Amino acid sequence: MAVGPLATSAGPLPPTGRPLDLRIIDILTITDGRISNVWMTADELGALNALDAVTLTQPT
């Protein structure tokens, strides 16, 4: 378990005291039966929305 500020693409998020679930996708490239590259991305926007750190709105 980590505590303290969370570094995000939108800037640091101060501690909230609330648990945070962060969805992460790993994409592996296989070359000749071996992993040759790993690319990872996280759903930061969904996590920030769950903590009320951002507000999502519908386009007008």
Protein backbone atom coordinates (compact mmCIF):
# COMPACT_ATOMS: atom_id res chain seq x y z
CA MET A 1 0.00 0.00 0.00
CA ALA A 2 1.35 3.41 -0.97
CA VAL A 3 0.49 6.63 0.81
CA GLY A 4 1.12 10.26 0.03
CA PRO A 5 0.67 12.32 -3.13
CA LEU A 6 -0.07 10.49 -6.40
CA ALA A 7 1.79 11.65 -9.50
CA THR A 8 -0.66 11.80 -12.43
CA SER A 9 -0.56 13.14 -15.97
CA ALA A 10 -2.71 16.05 -14.74
CA GLY A 11 -0.28 16.85 -11.92
CA PRO A 12 0.12 15.61 -8.35
CA LEU A 13 -3.00 14.59 -6.44
CA PRO A 14 -2.77 15.30 -2.70
CA PRO A 15 -3.57 12.43 -0.32
CA THR A 16 -7.31 11.90 0.19
CA GLY A 17 -7.27 9.11 2.78
CA ARG A 18 -9.50 7.09 0.43
CA PRO A 19 -8.56 3.81 -1.26
CA LEU A 20 -7.80 4.04 -4.97
CA ASP A 21 -8.19 1.34 -7.61
CA LEU A 22 -6.12 2.02 -10.72
CA ARG A 23 -6.82 -0.04 -13.85
CA ILE A 24 -3.68 -0.80 -15.82
CA ILE A 25 -3.35 -2.43 -19.23
CA ASP A 26 -0.14 -4.26 -20.15
CA ILE A 27 0.50 -4.91 -23.84
CA LEU A 28 3.23 -7.44 -24.54
CA THR A 29 4.93 -7.89 -27.91
CA ILE A 30 6.08 -11.45 -28.56
CA THR A 31 8.97 -12.07 -30.95
CA ASP A 32 10.16 -15.62 -31.61
CA GLY A 33 8.19 -16.88 -28.60
CA ARG A 34 9.74 -14.35 -26.17
CA ILE A 35 8.55 -11.04 -24.77
CA SER A 36 10.39 -8.36 -26.72
CA ASN A 37 8.52 -5.25 -25.62
CA VAL A 38 6.17 -4.18 -22.82
CA TRP A 39 3.86 -1.15 -23.02
CA MET A 40 1.71 -0.13 -20.06
CA THR A 41 -1.04 2.47 -19.66
CA ALA A 42 -3.30 3.34 -16.74
CA ASP A 43 -6.86 4.66 -16.57
CA GLU A 44 -5.91 7.73 -14.55
CA LEU A 45 -9.01 9.66 -15.59
CA GLY A 46 -11.35 7.00 -14.18
CA ALA A 47 -9.39 6.90 -10.92
CA LEU A 48 -9.35 10.69 -10.59
CA ASN A 49 -13.08 10.80 -11.26
CA ALA A 50 -13.71 8.15 -8.58
CA LEU A 51 -11.86 10.36 -6.06
CA ASP A 52 -13.82 13.47 -7.16
CA ALA A 53 -10.51 15.04 -8.23
CA VAL A 54 -11.98 15.77 -11.69
CA THR A 55 -15.52 16.15 -12.96
CA LEU A 56 -16.55 14.56 -16.23
CA THR A 57 -19.21 16.38 -18.24
CA GLN A 58 -21.16 15.62 -21.40
CA PRO A 59 -20.28 17.66 -24.49
CA THR A 60 -22.80 20.35 -25.37
